[in-house]
PDB file of N, CA and C in Angstrom:
ATOM      1  N   MET A   1       5.440 -30.761 -18.221  1.00  0.00           N
ATOM      2  CA  MET A   1       5.734 -30.547 -16.826  1.00  0.00           C
ATOM      3  C   MET A   1       5.035 -31.642 -16.027  1.00  0.00           C
ATOM      4  N   GLY A   2       5.743 -32.259 -15.092  1.00  0.00           N
ATOM      5  CA  GLY A   2       5.190 -33.354 -14.306  1.00  0.00           C
ATOM      6  C   GLY A   2       4.319 -32.877 -13.154  1.00  0.00           C
ATOM      7  N   LYS A   3       3.473 -33.734 -12.721  1.00  0.00           N
ATOM      8  CA  LYS A   3       2.612 -33.453 -11.570  1.00  0.00           C
ATOM      9  C   LYS A   3       3.302 -33.957 -10.308  1.00  0.00           C
ATOM     10  N   THR A   4       3.072 -33.283  -9.219  1.00  0.00           N
ATOM     11  CA  THR A   4       3.600 -33.735  -7.942  1.00  0.00           C
ATOM     12  C   THR A   4       2.475 -34.371  -7.148  1.00  0.00           C
ATOM     13  N   THR A   5       2.809 -35.338  -6.337  1.00  0.00           N
ATOM     14  CA  THR A   5       1.782 -36.009  -5.544  1.00  0.00           C
ATOM     15  C   THR A   5       1.813 -35.564  -4.096  1.00  0.00           C
ATOM     16  N   LYS A   6       2.825 -34.805  -3.715  1.00  0.00           N
ATOM     17  CA  LYS A   6       2.951 -34.361  -2.335  1.00  0.00           C
ATOM     18  C   LYS A   6       2.325 -32.976  -2.181  1.00  0.00           C
ATOM     19  N   LYS A   7       1.500 -32.798  -1.157  1.00  0.00           N
ATOM     20  CA  LYS A   7       0.841 -31.526  -0.905  1.00  0.00           C
ATOM     21  C   LYS A   7       1.869 -30.481  -0.460  1.00  0.00           C
ATOM     22  N   ALA A   8       1.727 -29.264  -0.975  1.00  0.00           N
ATOM     23  CA  ALA A   8       2.628 -28.171  -0.601  1.00  0.00           C
ATOM     24  C   ALA A   8       2.440 -27.834   0.868  1.00  0.00           C
ATOM     25  N   ARG A   9       3.546 -27.688   1.591  1.00  0.00           N
ATOM     26  CA  ARG A   9       3.513 -27.312   3.005  1.00  0.00           C
ATOM     27  C   ARG A   9       4.633 -26.319   3.250  1.00  0.00           C
ATOM     28  N   PHE A  10       4.324 -25.281   3.972  1.00  0.00           N
ATOM     29  CA  PHE A  10       5.320 -24.283   4.316  1.00  0.00           C
ATOM     30  C   PHE A  10       5.101 -23.954   5.776  1.00  0.00           C
ATOM     31  N   THR A  11       5.745 -24.698   6.644  1.00  0.00           N
ATOM     32  CA  THR A  11       5.563 -24.545   8.081  1.00  0.00           C
ATOM     33  C   THR A  11       6.925 -24.412   8.747  1.00  0.00           C
ATOM     34  N   LEU A  12       6.894 -24.306  10.054  1.00  0.00           N
ATOM     35  CA  LEU A  12       8.128 -24.184  10.818  1.00  0.00           C
ATOM     36  C   LEU A  12       9.039 -25.387  10.594  1.00  0.00           C
ATOM     37  N   HIS A  13       8.464 -26.572  10.467  1.00  0.00           N
ATOM     38  CA  HIS A  13       9.263 -27.798  10.385  1.00  0.00           C
ATOM     39  C   HIS A  13       9.376 -28.376   8.977  1.00  0.00           C
ATOM     40  N   GLU A  14       8.582 -27.925   8.052  1.00  0.00           N
ATOM     41  CA  GLU A  14       8.622 -28.483   6.697  1.00  0.00           C
ATOM     42  C   GLU A  14       8.354 -27.378   5.685  1.00  0.00           C
ATOM     43  N   ARG A  15       9.232 -27.282   4.684  1.00  0.00           N
ATOM     44  CA  ARG A  15       9.062 -26.266   3.650  1.00  0.00           C
ATOM     45  C   ARG A  15       9.270 -26.893   2.279  1.00  0.00           C
ATOM     46  N   ASN A  16       8.209 -27.020   1.528  1.00  0.00           N
ATOM     47  CA  ASN A  16       8.327 -27.515   0.156  1.00  0.00           C
ATOM     48  C   ASN A  16       7.392 -26.733  -0.761  1.00  0.00           C
ATOM     49  N   GLY A  17       7.172 -25.493  -0.430  1.00  0.00           N
ATOM     50  CA  GLY A  17       6.237 -24.663  -1.180  1.00  0.00           C
ATOM     51  C   GLY A  17       5.066 -24.312  -0.282  1.00  0.00           C
ATOM     52  N   ARG A  18       4.077 -23.666  -0.838  1.00  0.00           N
ATOM     53  CA  ARG A  18       2.889 -23.360  -0.052  1.00  0.00           C
ATOM     54  C   ARG A  18       1.690 -23.283  -0.975  1.00  0.00           C
ATOM     55  N   GLY A  19       0.539 -23.526  -0.392  1.00  0.00           N
ATOM     56  CA  GLY A  19      -0.703 -23.426  -1.147  1.00  0.00           C
ATOM     57  C   GLY A  19      -1.071 -21.971  -1.393  1.00  0.00           C
ATOM     58  N   LEU A  20      -1.936 -21.728  -2.347  1.00  0.00           N
ATOM     59  CA  LEU A  20      -2.300 -20.361  -2.697  1.00  0.00           C
ATOM     60  C   LEU A  20      -3.045 -19.643  -1.584  1.00  0.00           C
ATOM     61  N   THR A  21      -3.704 -20.382  -0.718  1.00  0.00           N
ATOM     62  CA  THR A  21      -4.472 -19.745   0.352  1.00  0.00           C
ATOM     63  C   THR A  21      -3.830 -19.926   1.722  1.00  0.00           C
ATOM     64  N   ASP A  22      -2.582 -20.400   1.768  1.00  0.00           N
ATOM     65  CA  ASP A  22      -1.877 -20.506   3.046  1.00  0.00           C
ATOM     66  C   ASP A  22      -1.586 -19.113   3.598  1.00  0.00           C
ATOM     67  N   CYS A  23      -1.547 -18.988   4.899  1.00  0.00           N
ATOM     68  CA  CYS A  23      -1.263 -17.704   5.547  1.00  0.00           C
ATOM     69  C   CYS A  23       0.260 -17.514   5.623  1.00  0.00           C
ATOM     70  N   ALA A  24       0.832 -16.863   4.629  1.00  0.00           N
ATOM     71  CA  ALA A  24       2.280 -16.667   4.569  1.00  0.00           C
ATOM     72  C   ALA A  24       2.820 -15.873   5.761  1.00  0.00           C
ATOM     73  N   PRO A  25       2.129 -14.823   6.252  1.00  0.00           N
ATOM     74  CA  PRO A  25       2.667 -14.099   7.406  1.00  0.00           C
ATOM     75  C   PRO A  25       2.854 -14.992   8.633  1.00  0.00           C
ATOM     76  N   GLU A  26       1.928 -15.935   8.878  1.00  0.00           N
ATOM     77  CA  GLU A  26       2.090 -16.854  10.013  1.00  0.00           C
ATOM     78  C   GLU A  26       3.409 -17.607   9.908  1.00  0.00           C
ATOM     79  N   VAL A  27       3.700 -18.103   8.723  1.00  0.00           N
ATOM     80  CA  VAL A  27       4.913 -18.895   8.525  1.00  0.00           C
ATOM     81  C   VAL A  27       6.152 -18.032   8.695  1.00  0.00           C
ATOM     82  N   MET A  28       6.130 -16.810   8.178  1.00  0.00           N
ATOM     83  CA  MET A  28       7.288 -15.930   8.314  1.00  0.00           C
ATOM     84  C   MET A  28       7.579 -15.645   9.786  1.00  0.00           C
ATOM     85  N   PHE A  29       6.526 -15.355  10.576  1.00  0.00           N
ATOM     86  CA  PHE A  29       6.722 -15.128  12.006  1.00  0.00           C
ATOM     87  C   PHE A  29       7.230 -16.389  12.696  1.00  0.00           C
ATOM     88  N   GLU A  30       6.708 -17.558  12.300  1.00  0.00           N
ATOM     89  CA  GLU A  30       7.168 -18.818  12.892  1.00  0.00           C
ATOM     90  C   GLU A  30       8.648 -19.041  12.614  1.00  0.00           C
ATOM     91  N   LEU A  31       9.078 -18.748  11.386  1.00  0.00           N
ATOM     92  CA  LEU A  31      10.487 -18.938  11.033  1.00  0.00           C
ATOM     93  C   LEU A  31      11.387 -18.014  11.847  1.00  0.00           C
ATOM     94  N   ILE A  32      10.961 -16.792  12.050  1.00  0.00           N
ATOM     95  CA  ILE A  32      11.779 -15.823  12.782  1.00  0.00           C
ATOM     96  C   ILE A  32      11.775 -16.110  14.286  1.00  0.00           C
ATOM     97  N   LEU A  33      10.592 -16.387  14.840  1.00  0.00           N
ATOM     98  CA  LEU A  33      10.473 -16.559  16.288  1.00  0.00           C
ATOM     99  C   LEU A  33      10.760 -17.982  16.763  1.00  0.00           C
ATOM    100  N   GLY A  34      10.649 -18.950  15.845  1.00  0.00           N
ATOM    101  CA  GLY A  34      10.918 -20.335  16.214  1.00  0.00           C
ATOM    102  C   GLY A  34       9.775 -21.030  16.941  1.00  0.00           C
ATOM    103  N   VAL A  35       8.631 -20.406  16.989  1.00  0.00           N
ATOM    104  CA  VAL A  35       7.446 -21.004  17.618  1.00  0.00           C
ATOM    105  C   VAL A  35       6.236 -20.741  16.721  1.00  0.00           C
ATOM    106  N   PRO A  36       5.234 -21.622  16.764  1.00  0.00           N
ATOM    107  CA  PRO A  36       4.034 -21.392  15.956  1.00  0.00           C
ATOM    108  C   PRO A  36       3.330 -20.090  16.347  1.00  0.00           C
ATOM    109  N   VAL A  37       2.914 -19.342  15.355  1.00  0.00           N
ATOM    110  CA  VAL A  37       2.176 -18.090  15.558  1.00  0.00           C
ATOM    111  C   VAL A  37       0.873 -18.207  14.777  1.00  0.00           C
ATOM    112  N   LYS A  38      -0.245 -18.181  15.455  1.00  0.00           N
ATOM    113  CA  LYS A  38      -1.540 -18.299  14.784  1.00  0.00           C
ATOM    114  C   LYS A  38      -2.212 -16.942  14.732  1.00  0.00           C
ATOM    115  N   MET A  39      -2.545 -16.506  13.528  1.00  0.00           N
ATOM    116  CA  MET A  39      -3.192 -15.217  13.326  1.00  0.00           C
ATOM    117  C   MET A  39      -4.685 -15.375  13.056  1.00  0.00           C
ATOM    118  N   GLY A  40      -5.146 -16.610  12.970  1.00  0.00           N
ATOM    119  CA  GLY A  40      -6.554 -16.848  12.726  1.00  0.00           C
ATOM    120  C   GLY A  40      -6.958 -16.738  11.269  1.00  0.00           C
ATOM    121  N   LEU A  41      -5.978 -16.668  10.384  1.00  0.00           N
ATOM    122  CA  LEU A  41      -6.289 -16.595   8.955  1.00  0.00           C
ATOM    123  C   LEU A  41      -6.182 -17.988   8.356  1.00  0.00           C
ATOM    124  N   ASP A  42      -7.174 -18.344   7.557  1.00  0.00           N
ATOM    125  CA  ASP A  42      -7.134 -19.621   6.843  1.00  0.00           C
ATOM    126  C   ASP A  42      -7.732 -19.399   5.464  1.00  0.00           C
ATOM    127  N   ALA A  43      -7.958 -20.464   4.737  1.00  0.00           N
ATOM    128  CA  ALA A  43      -8.460 -20.355   3.369  1.00  0.00           C
ATOM    129  C   ALA A  43      -9.782 -19.598   3.302  1.00  0.00           C
ATOM    130  N   SER A  44     -10.580 -19.654   4.377  1.00  0.00           N
ATOM    131  CA  SER A  44     -11.870 -18.965   4.351  1.00  0.00           C
ATOM    132  C   SER A  44     -11.711 -17.441   4.364  1.00  0.00           C
ATOM    133  N   ALA A  45     -10.533 -16.937   4.744  1.00  0.00           N
ATOM    134  CA  ALA A  45     -10.296 -15.492   4.763  1.00  0.00           C
ATOM    135  C   ALA A  45     -10.039 -14.938   3.357  1.00  0.00           C
ATOM    136  N   ALA A  46      -9.700 -15.811   2.421  1.00  0.00           N
ATOM    137  CA  ALA A  46      -9.444 -15.381   1.050  1.00  0.00           C
ATOM    138  C   ALA A  46     -10.768 -15.049   0.363  1.00  0.00           C
ATOM    139  N   THR A  47     -10.779 -13.989  -0.402  1.00  0.00           N
ATOM    140  CA  THR A  47     -11.984 -13.644  -1.144  1.00  0.00           C
ATOM    141  C   THR A  47     -11.878 -14.194  -2.551  1.00  0.00           C
ATOM    142  N   GLY A  48     -12.953 -14.707  -3.055  1.00  0.00           N
ATOM    143  CA  GLY A  48     -12.958 -15.247  -4.404  1.00  0.00           C
ATOM    144  C   GLY A  48     -12.333 -16.623  -4.464  1.00  0.00           C
ATOM    145  N   VAL A  49     -12.249 -17.149  -5.661  1.00  0.00           N
ATOM    146  CA  VAL A  49     -11.683 -18.477  -5.905  1.00  0.00           C
ATOM    147  C   VAL A  49     -10.483 -18.305  -6.837  1.00  0.00           C
ATOM    148  N   PRO A  50      -9.300 -18.797  -6.436  1.00  0.00           N
ATOM    149  CA  PRO A  50      -8.131 -18.667  -7.314  1.00  0.00           C
ATOM    150  C   PRO A  50      -8.370 -19.325  -8.669  1.00  0.00           C
ATOM    151  N   ARG A  51      -7.845 -18.708  -9.716  1.00  0.00           N
ATOM    152  CA  ARG A  51      -7.952 -19.264 -11.067  1.00  0.00           C
ATOM    153  C   ARG A  51      -7.082 -20.504 -11.184  1.00  0.00           C
ATOM    154  N   GLY A  52      -7.328 -21.295 -12.187  1.00  0.00           N
ATOM    155  CA  GLY A  52      -6.561 -22.511 -12.413  1.00  0.00           C
ATOM    156  C   GLY A  52      -5.265 -22.296 -13.164  1.00  0.00           C
ATOM    157  N   ASP A  53      -5.045 -21.069 -13.685  1.00  0.00           N
ATOM    158  CA  ASP A  53      -3.820 -20.789 -14.425  1.00  0.00           C
ATOM    159  C   ASP A  53      -3.148 -19.537 -13.856  1.00  0.00           C
ATOM    160  N   PHE A  54      -1.874 -19.372 -14.182  1.00  0.00           N
ATOM    161  CA  PHE A  54      -1.108 -18.243 -13.678  1.00  0.00           C
ATOM    162  C   PHE A  54      -1.731 -16.952 -14.160  1.00  0.00           C
ATOM    163  N   PRO A  55      -1.868 -15.933 -13.352  1.00  0.00           N
ATOM    164  CA  PRO A  55      -1.290 -15.675 -12.054  1.00  0.00           C
ATOM    165  C   PRO A  55      -2.131 -16.155 -10.878  1.00  0.00           C
ATOM    166  N   TYR A  56      -3.119 -16.988 -11.085  1.00  0.00           N
ATOM    167  CA  TYR A  56      -3.913 -17.636 -10.030  1.00  0.00           C
ATOM    168  C   TYR A  56      -4.772 -16.692  -9.209  1.00  0.00           C
ATOM    169  N   LEU A  57      -4.718 -15.407  -9.452  1.00  0.00           N
ATOM    170  CA  LEU A  57      -5.509 -14.454  -8.681  1.00  0.00           C
ATOM    171  C   LEU A  57      -6.986 -14.586  -9.022  1.00  0.00           C
ATOM    172  N   SER A  58      -7.821 -14.408  -8.025  1.00  0.00           N
ATOM    173  CA  SER A  58      -9.259 -14.419  -8.296  1.00  0.00           C
ATOM    174  C   SER A  58      -9.623 -13.097  -8.964  1.00  0.00           C
ATOM    175  N   PRO A  59     -10.685 -13.102  -9.758  1.00  0.00           N
ATOM    176  CA  PRO A  59     -11.094 -11.851 -10.405  1.00  0.00           C
ATOM    177  C   PRO A  59     -11.473 -10.804  -9.358  1.00  0.00           C
ATOM    178  N   PRO A  60     -11.299  -9.523  -9.668  1.00  0.00           N
ATOM    179  CA  PRO A  60     -11.680  -8.486  -8.699  1.00  0.00           C
ATOM    180  C   PRO A  60     -13.182  -8.481  -8.468  1.00  0.00           C
ATOM    181  N   ARG A  61     -13.577  -8.097  -7.271  1.00  0.00           N
ATOM    182  CA  ARG A  61     -14.998  -8.004  -6.971  1.00  0.00           C
ATOM    183  C   ARG A  61     -15.560  -6.728  -7.592  1.00  0.00           C
ATOM    184  N   ALA A  62     -16.807  -6.798  -8.027  1.00  0.00           N
ATOM    185  CA  ALA A  62     -17.464  -5.635  -8.621  1.00  0.00           C
ATOM    186  C   ALA A  62     -17.581  -4.524  -7.572  1.00  0.00           C
ATOM    187  N   GLY A  63     -17.421  -3.297  -7.999  1.00  0.00           N
ATOM    188  CA  GLY A  63     -17.589  -2.166  -7.106  1.00  0.00           C
ATOM    189  C   GLY A  63     -16.349  -1.790  -6.330  1.00  0.00           C
ATOM    190  N   ARG A  64     -15.229  -2.369  -6.641  1.00  0.00           N
ATOM    191  CA  ARG A  64     -13.998  -2.037  -5.921  1.00  0.00           C
ATOM    192  C   ARG A  64     -13.090  -1.255  -6.805  1.00  0.00           C
TER     193      ARG A  64
END
């Protein structure tokens, strides 16, 4: 499988995939409403660190 050199972007004006920590709800609202919608969520809102292999989910936190 080849590597891509272009960063994934999923925005109102450009869609070629999305990063694992992108705020998908923001993009969905932008697509429907036609204007940028900022919910204040970014990569720092994600808990844990995504794994390097599929399914990319971070391990569950202890005590949950």
